[in-house]
Amino acid sequence: MIRHVVLFTWTEDATAEQKAEVAARLNTLPGIISQIRSYAVGADAGINPGNHEFAVVADFDTVEDYLAYRDHPTHLSIIAEHIKPILASRAAVQYAV
């Protein structure tokens, strides 16, 4: 299994509505992309200072399944239309589970 973890920090001018829209749009992906085995998104709980503000954790059976998700037009559209306009920084990793 492949686990994909992404962390986002938003721009200072990102609105609560824009952040909520990112979460709502990303949460539609498990119903659209059949290769997703497990999917969780959420805002940082605010426990530790200096954390990223938002996380995505997704599991896939194979590298090919991850690549199908990565390159899926709906996923790419969400990135282009909702994430990139408010993105200050991003960190990601994919690893075998």
C-alpha atoms as a PDB file:
ATOM      1  CA  MET A   1       0.000   0.000   0.000  1.00  0.00           C
ATOM      2  CA  ILE A   2       1.097   3.571  -0.699  1.00  0.00           C
ATOM      3  CA  ARG A   3       0.277   6.396   1.702  1.00  0.00           C
ATOM      4  CA  HIS A   4       0.205   9.975   0.376  1.00  0.00           C
ATOM      5  CA  VAL A   5       0.476  12.797   2.912  1.00  0.00           C
ATOM      6  CA  VAL A   6       0.199  16.476   1.953  1.00  0.00           C
ATOM      7  CA  LEU A   7       0.455  19.479   4.252  1.00  0.00           C
ATOM      8  CA  PHE A   8      -0.665  22.966   3.275  1.00  0.00           C
ATOM      9  CA  THR A   9      -0.163  26.428   4.714  1.00  0.00           C
ATOM     10  CA  TRP A  10      -2.546  29.047   3.398  1.00  0.00           C
ATOM     11  CA  THR A  11      -1.856  32.628   2.421  1.00  0.00           C
ATOM     12  CA  GLU A  12      -2.655  35.282   5.015  1.00  0.00           C
ATOM     13  CA  ASP A  13      -5.535  36.571   2.892  1.00  0.00           C
ATOM     14  CA  ALA A  14      -7.193  33.143   2.484  1.00  0.00           C
ATOM     15  CA  THR A  15     -10.748  33.334   3.780  1.00  0.00           C
ATOM     16  CA  ALA A  16     -12.559  30.837   5.968  1.00  0.00           C
ATOM     17  CA  GLU A  17     -14.911  30.206   3.049  1.00  0.00           C
ATOM     18  CA  GLN A  18     -12.028  29.379   0.688  1.00  0.00           C
ATOM     19  CA  LYS A  19     -10.508  26.983   3.230  1.00  0.00           C
ATOM     20  CA  ALA A  20     -13.854  25.280   3.785  1.00  0.00           C
ATOM     21  CA  GLU A  21     -14.323  24.959   0.015  1.00  0.00           C
ATOM     22  CA  VAL A  22     -10.963  23.173  -0.303  1.00  0.00           C
ATOM     23  CA  ALA A  23     -12.038  20.624   2.305  1.00  0.00           C
ATOM     24  CA  ALA A  24     -15.472  20.183   0.732  1.00  0.00           C
ATOM     25  CA  ARG A  25     -14.058  19.687  -2.756  1.00  0.00           C
ATOM     26  CA  LEU A  26     -11.339  17.269  -1.611  1.00  0.00           C
ATOM     27  CA  ASN A  27     -13.929  15.237   0.310  1.00  0.00           C
ATOM     28  CA  THR A  28     -15.757  14.548  -2.963  1.00  0.00           C
ATOM     29  CA  LEU A  29     -12.764  12.681  -4.412  1.00  0.00           C
ATOM     30  CA  PRO A  30     -13.343   9.259  -2.777  1.00  0.00           C
ATOM     31  CA  GLY A  31     -16.708   9.095  -4.545  1.00  0.00           C
ATOM     32  CA  ILE A  32     -15.112  10.006  -7.881  1.00  0.00           C
ATOM     33  CA  ILE A  33     -11.739   8.227  -7.894  1.00  0.00           C
ATOM     34  CA  SER A  34     -12.218   4.505  -7.256  1.00  0.00           C
ATOM     35  CA  GLN A  35      -8.515   3.879  -6.598  1.00  0.00           C
ATOM     36  CA  ILE A  36      -8.679   5.701  -3.244  1.00  0.00           C
ATOM     37  CA  ARG A  37      -8.771   3.151  -0.386  1.00  0.00           C
ATOM     38  CA  SER A  38      -8.743   5.589   2.530  1.00  0.00           C
ATOM     39  CA  TYR A  39      -8.993   9.365   2.556  1.00  0.00           C
ATOM     40  CA  ALA A  40      -8.920  11.945   5.335  1.00  0.00           C
ATOM     41  CA  VAL A  41      -8.604  15.714   5.209  1.00  0.00           C
ATOM     42  CA  GLY A  42      -8.637  18.264   7.979  1.00  0.00           C
ATOM     43  CA  ALA A  43      -7.493  21.544   9.416  1.00  0.00           C
ATOM     44  CA  ASP A  44      -4.723  21.617  12.000  1.00  0.00           C
ATOM     45  CA  ALA A  45      -6.068  21.346  15.552  1.00  0.00           C
ATOM     46  CA  GLY A  46      -3.929  24.300  16.656  1.00  0.00           C
ATOM     47  CA  ILE A  47      -2.174  22.382  19.439  1.00  0.00           C
ATOM     48  CA  ASN A  48       1.421  23.185  18.432  1.00  0.00           C
ATOM     49  CA  PRO A  49       2.672  26.462  16.968  1.00  0.00           C
ATOM     50  CA  GLY A  50       4.402  26.401  13.602  1.00  0.00           C
ATOM     51  CA  ASN A  51       2.382  23.535  12.114  1.00  0.00           C
ATOM     52  CA  HIS A  52       0.996  23.512   8.614  1.00  0.00           C
ATOM     53  CA  GLU A  53      -2.672  24.472   8.510  1.00  0.00           C
ATOM     54  CA  PHE A  54      -4.279  21.599   6.598  1.00  0.00           C
ATOM     55  CA  ALA A  55      -3.541  17.941   5.880  1.00  0.00           C
ATOM     56  CA  VAL A  56      -4.556  15.276   3.377  1.00  0.00           C
ATOM     57  CA  VAL A  57      -3.803  11.598   4.052  1.00  0.00           C
ATOM     58  CA  ALA A  58      -4.725   9.095   1.347  1.00  0.00           C
ATOM     59  CA  ASP A  59      -4.031   5.380   0.924  1.00  0.00           C
ATOM     60  CA  PHE A  60      -3.778   3.454  -2.339  1.00  0.00           C
ATOM     61  CA  ASP A  61      -3.237  -0.232  -3.081  1.00  0.00           C
ATOM     62  CA  THR A  62      -0.485   0.401  -5.636  1.00  0.00           C
ATOM     63  CA  VAL A  63       1.746   3.115  -7.038  1.00  0.00           C
ATOM     64  CA  GLU A  64      -0.362   2.997 -10.204  1.00  0.00           C
ATOM     65  CA  ASP A  65      -3.497   3.702  -8.158  1.00  0.00           C
ATOM     66  CA  TYR A  66      -1.790   6.698  -6.554  1.00  0.00           C
ATOM     67  CA  LEU A  67      -0.733   7.968  -9.983  1.00  0.00           C
ATOM     68  CA  ALA A  68      -4.332   7.624 -11.217  1.00  0.00           C
ATOM     69  CA  TYR A  69      -5.425   9.839  -8.306  1.00  0.00           C
ATOM     70  CA  ARG A  70      -2.552  12.297  -8.780  1.00  0.00           C
ATOM     71  CA  ASP A  71      -3.353  12.775 -12.466  1.00  0.00           C
ATOM     72  CA  HIS A  72      -7.157  12.575 -12.284  1.00  0.00           C
ATOM     73  CA  PRO A  73      -8.784  15.612 -13.964  1.00  0.00           C
ATOM     74  CA  THR A  74     -11.099  16.326 -11.021  1.00  0.00           C
ATOM     75  CA  HIS A  75      -8.192  16.275  -8.574  1.00  0.00           C
ATOM     76  CA  LEU A  76      -6.139  18.540 -10.828  1.00  0.00           C
ATOM     77  CA  SER A  77      -9.085  20.915 -11.183  1.00  0.00           C
ATOM     78  CA  ILE A  78      -9.475  21.207  -7.399  1.00  0.00           C
ATOM     79  CA  ILE A  79      -5.769  21.979  -7.095  1.00  0.00           C
ATOM     80  CA  ALA A  80      -5.850  24.615  -9.833  1.00  0.00           C
ATOM     81  CA  GLU A  81      -9.129  26.290  -8.885  1.00  0.00           C
ATOM     82  CA  HIS A  82      -9.267  26.043  -5.084  1.00  0.00           C
ATOM     83  CA  ILE A  83      -5.878  25.181  -3.585  1.00  0.00           C
ATOM     84  CA  LYS A  84      -3.297  27.103  -5.624  1.00  0.00           C
ATOM     85  CA  PRO A  85      -5.071  30.483  -5.288  1.00  0.00           C
ATOM     86  CA  ILE A  86      -4.664  30.381  -1.482  1.00  0.00           C
ATOM     87  CA  LEU A  87      -1.517  28.253  -1.154  1.00  0.00           C
ATOM     88  CA  ALA A  88       1.484  29.683   0.682  1.00  0.00           C
ATOM     89  CA  SER A  89       3.422  26.431   1.067  1.00  0.00           C
ATOM     90  CA  ARG A  90       3.078  22.702   0.522  1.00  0.00           C
ATOM     91  CA  ALA A  91       4.927  19.626   1.743  1.00  0.00           C
ATOM     92  CA  ALA A  92       4.220  16.083   0.583  1.00  0.00           C
ATOM     93  CA  VAL A  93       5.478  12.534   0.921  1.00  0.00           C
ATOM     94  CA  GLN A  94       4.472   9.164  -0.457  1.00  0.00           C
ATOM     95  CA  TYR A  95       5.640   6.033   1.346  1.00  0.00           C
ATOM     96  CA  ALA A  96       4.985   2.308   1.472  1.00  0.00           C
ATOM     97  CA  VAL A  97       2.813   1.144   4.353  1.00  0.00           C
END
